[in-house]
Amino acid sequence: MSRYMVILEPGPTSWGAHVPDLPGCIAVGETRDEAATLIRDAVALHVEGLRAEGAPIPPPVSDVLFVEIDAA
């Protein structure tokens, strides 16, 4: 079982999602929840496609760090 980091970003009218460790693996939904659901499907399809091509599956290596600052 692999665990890939997903970036979810709001846009003016929708939410986007992408997986840094799987270039080209993206999804867009009307809501954050929809984008999260769609990116799960996109990751599964992306990995399935790589396997079918006999291509290596990139390991999940990305990490996240939150930095707190006083924005006032």
N, C-alpha and C. Protein backbone atom coordinates (compact mmCIF):
# COMPACT_ATOMS: atom_id res chain seq x y z
N MET A 1 0.86 -1.18 0.00
CA MET A 1 0.00 0.00 0.00
C MET A 1 0.90 1.24 0.00
N SER A 2 0.64 2.16 -0.92
CA SER A 2 1.38 3.42 -0.99
C SER A 2 0.45 4.56 -0.60
N ARG A 3 1.05 5.60 -0.07
CA ARG A 3 0.29 6.77 0.39
C ARG A 3 0.88 8.01 -0.28
N TYR A 4 0.13 8.57 -1.24
CA TYR A 4 0.60 9.73 -1.99
C TYR A 4 0.00 11.02 -1.42
N MET A 5 0.82 12.06 -1.36
CA MET A 5 0.36 13.36 -0.92
C MET A 5 -0.42 14.02 -2.06
N VAL A 6 -1.54 14.61 -1.73
CA VAL A 6 -2.39 15.32 -2.69
C VAL A 6 -2.45 16.78 -2.28
N ILE A 7 -2.29 17.66 -3.26
CA ILE A 7 -2.45 19.09 -3.03
C ILE A 7 -3.84 19.48 -3.54
N LEU A 8 -4.64 20.08 -2.67
CA LEU A 8 -5.97 20.59 -3.03
C LEU A 8 -5.91 22.11 -3.00
N GLU A 9 -6.37 22.73 -4.09
CA GLU A 9 -6.31 24.19 -4.17
C GLU A 9 -7.63 24.75 -4.67
N PRO A 10 -8.14 25.79 -3.99
CA PRO A 10 -9.38 26.41 -4.46
C PRO A 10 -9.08 27.35 -5.62
N GLY A 11 -10.00 27.38 -6.57
CA GLY A 11 -9.94 28.34 -7.67
C GLY A 11 -11.16 29.24 -7.60
N PRO A 12 -11.30 30.12 -8.55
CA PRO A 12 -12.44 31.05 -8.52
C PRO A 12 -13.80 30.34 -8.54
N THR A 13 -13.88 29.21 -9.27
CA THR A 13 -15.18 28.54 -9.40
C THR A 13 -15.11 27.04 -9.16
N SER A 14 -13.95 26.53 -8.79
CA SER A 14 -13.81 25.09 -8.61
C SER A 14 -12.59 24.79 -7.72
N TRP A 15 -12.38 23.51 -7.47
CA TRP A 15 -11.21 23.06 -6.71
C TRP A 15 -10.35 22.18 -7.61
N GLY A 16 -9.05 22.36 -7.51
CA GLY A 16 -8.12 21.53 -8.26
C GLY A 16 -7.34 20.64 -7.30
N ALA A 17 -6.88 19.51 -7.82
CA ALA A 17 -6.08 18.58 -7.02
C ALA A 17 -4.99 18.02 -7.91
N HIS A 18 -3.80 17.85 -7.34
CA HIS A 18 -2.72 17.20 -8.07
C HIS A 18 -1.82 16.44 -7.10
N VAL A 19 -1.08 15.50 -7.67
CA VAL A 19 -0.20 14.63 -6.87
C VAL A 19 1.23 14.90 -7.32
N PRO A 20 2.04 15.58 -6.50
CA PRO A 20 3.40 15.92 -6.91
C PRO A 20 4.25 14.72 -7.34
N ASP A 21 4.05 13.57 -6.73
CA ASP A 21 4.86 12.40 -7.06
C ASP A 21 4.37 11.64 -8.29
N LEU A 22 3.24 12.03 -8.83
CA LEU A 22 2.69 11.41 -10.04
C LEU A 22 2.43 12.51 -11.07
N PRO A 23 3.47 12.99 -11.76
CA PRO A 23 3.29 14.09 -12.71
C PRO A 23 2.17 13.81 -13.70
N GLY A 24 1.31 14.81 -13.88
CA GLY A 24 0.19 14.69 -14.79
C GLY A 24 -1.07 14.13 -14.16
N CYS A 25 -0.99 13.73 -12.92
CA CYS A 25 -2.16 13.18 -12.23
C CYS A 25 -2.90 14.35 -11.56
N ILE A 26 -4.01 14.74 -12.18
CA ILE A 26 -4.77 15.90 -11.70
C ILE A 26 -6.26 15.61 -11.71
N ALA A 27 -7.02 16.44 -11.01
CA ALA A 27 -8.48 16.36 -11.01
C ALA A 27 -9.04 17.74 -10.67
N VAL A 28 -10.24 17.99 -11.13
CA VAL A 28 -10.93 19.25 -10.83
C VAL A 28 -12.37 18.91 -10.47
N GLY A 29 -12.85 19.53 -9.40
CA GLY A 29 -14.23 19.33 -8.97
C GLY A 29 -14.86 20.65 -8.60
N GLU A 30 -16.18 20.66 -8.55
CA GLU A 30 -16.89 21.87 -8.16
C GLU A 30 -16.68 22.21 -6.69
N THR A 31 -16.45 21.18 -5.88
CA THR A 31 -16.23 21.37 -4.44
C THR A 31 -14.94 20.67 -4.03
N ARG A 32 -14.47 20.98 -2.83
CA ARG A 32 -13.28 20.32 -2.31
C ARG A 32 -13.51 18.81 -2.20
N ASP A 33 -14.66 18.44 -1.69
CA ASP A 33 -14.97 17.01 -1.54
C ASP A 33 -14.99 16.30 -2.89
N GLU A 34 -15.58 16.95 -3.90
CA GLU A 34 -15.62 16.32 -5.22
C GLU A 34 -14.20 16.17 -5.79
N ALA A 35 -13.37 17.19 -5.64
CA ALA A 35 -11.99 17.10 -6.12
C ALA A 35 -11.24 15.98 -5.40
N ALA A 36 -11.47 15.84 -4.10
CA ALA A 36 -10.81 14.78 -3.33
C ALA A 36 -11.25 13.40 -3.81
N THR A 37 -12.52 13.25 -4.09
CA THR A 37 -13.02 11.97 -4.60
C THR A 37 -12.43 11.68 -5.98
N LEU A 38 -12.43 12.68 -6.84
CA LEU A 38 -11.94 12.50 -8.21
C LEU A 38 -10.44 12.20 -8.24
N ILE A 39 -9.66 12.82 -7.35
CA ILE A 39 -8.22 12.57 -7.38
C ILE A 39 -7.91 11.16 -6.89
N ARG A 40 -8.71 10.62 -6.01
CA ARG A 40 -8.52 9.21 -5.61
C ARG A 40 -8.66 8.30 -6.82
N ASP A 41 -9.70 8.55 -7.61
CA ASP A 41 -9.91 7.77 -8.84
C ASP A 41 -8.76 8.01 -9.82
N ALA A 42 -8.33 9.26 -9.94
CA ALA A 42 -7.26 9.60 -10.87
C ALA A 42 -5.95 8.90 -10.50
N VAL A 43 -5.64 8.82 -9.22
CA VAL A 43 -4.41 8.13 -8.78
C VAL A 43 -4.50 6.66 -9.16
N ALA A 44 -5.62 6.04 -8.89
CA ALA A 44 -5.78 4.62 -9.22
C ALA A 44 -5.62 4.39 -10.72
N LEU A 45 -6.25 5.22 -11.54
CA LEU A 45 -6.14 5.09 -12.99
C LEU A 45 -4.73 5.37 -13.49
N HIS A 46 -4.08 6.36 -12.90
CA HIS A 46 -2.71 6.72 -13.28
C HIS A 46 -1.77 5.55 -13.03
N VAL A 47 -1.85 4.98 -11.84
CA VAL A 47 -0.98 3.85 -11.49
C VAL A 47 -1.31 2.64 -12.37
N GLU A 48 -2.59 2.40 -12.62
CA GLU A 48 -3.00 1.30 -13.49
C GLU A 48 -2.42 1.48 -14.89
N GLY A 49 -2.44 2.70 -15.40
CA GLY A 49 -1.88 2.99 -16.71
C GLY A 49 -0.38 2.76 -16.77
N LEU A 50 0.32 3.19 -15.71
CA LEU A 50 1.77 2.97 -15.65
C LEU A 50 2.08 1.47 -15.67
N ARG A 51 1.32 0.72 -14.89
CA ARG A 51 1.52 -0.74 -14.85
C ARG A 51 1.28 -1.36 -16.22
N ALA A 52 0.22 -0.94 -16.88
CA ALA A 52 -0.12 -1.49 -18.19
C ALA A 52 0.98 -1.21 -19.22
N GLU A 53 1.64 -0.06 -19.08
CA GLU A 53 2.73 0.31 -19.99
C GLU A 53 4.06 -0.33 -19.60
N GLY A 54 4.09 -0.96 -18.43
CA GLY A 54 5.34 -1.52 -17.93
C GLY A 54 6.29 -0.45 -17.42
N ALA A 55 5.75 0.73 -17.15
CA ALA A 55 6.56 1.85 -16.66
C ALA A 55 6.70 1.75 -15.15
N PRO A 56 7.79 2.29 -14.62
CA PRO A 56 7.94 2.27 -13.16
C PRO A 56 6.92 3.18 -12.49
N ILE A 57 6.50 2.79 -11.32
CA ILE A 57 5.57 3.59 -10.53
C ILE A 57 6.40 4.41 -9.55
N PRO A 58 6.35 5.75 -9.68
CA PRO A 58 7.15 6.59 -8.79
C PRO A 58 6.76 6.37 -7.33
N PRO A 59 7.75 6.24 -6.47
CA PRO A 59 7.43 6.09 -5.06
C PRO A 59 6.94 7.41 -4.47
N PRO A 60 6.09 7.34 -3.47
CA PRO A 60 5.66 8.57 -2.80
C PRO A 60 6.79 9.09 -1.92
N VAL A 61 7.30 10.26 -2.27
CA VAL A 61 8.41 10.85 -1.49
C VAL A 61 8.11 12.26 -1.00
N SER A 62 7.08 12.90 -1.56
CA SER A 62 6.76 14.27 -1.15
C SER A 62 6.29 14.30 0.29
N ASP A 63 6.54 15.43 0.92
CA ASP A 63 6.14 15.63 2.31
C ASP A 63 5.56 17.03 2.41
N VAL A 64 4.96 17.32 3.51
CA VAL A 64 4.35 18.63 3.70
C VAL A 64 4.88 19.25 4.98
N LEU A 65 5.02 20.56 4.94
CA LEU A 65 5.45 21.33 6.10
C LEU A 65 4.60 22.58 6.16
N PHE A 66 4.01 22.83 7.28
CA PHE A 66 3.25 24.06 7.48
C PHE A 66 4.11 25.02 8.29
N VAL A 67 4.17 26.26 7.84
CA VAL A 67 4.95 27.28 8.52
C VAL A 67 3.97 28.33 9.03
N GLU A 68 4.04 28.61 10.31
CA GLU A 68 3.15 29.61 10.91
C GLU A 68 3.90 30.93 11.04
N ILE A 69 3.23 32.00 10.61
CA ILE A 69 3.80 33.34 10.75
C ILE A 69 2.71 34.28 11.25
N ASP A 70 3.13 35.39 11.80
CA ASP A 70 2.18 36.41 12.20
C ASP A 70 1.91 37.28 10.98
N ALA A 71 0.77 37.10 10.37
CA ALA A 71 0.46 37.79 9.13
C ALA A 71 -0.09 39.20 9.36
N ALA A 72 -0.30 39.57 10.59
CA ALA A 72 -0.87 40.89 10.89
C ALA A 72 0.16 41.98 10.81
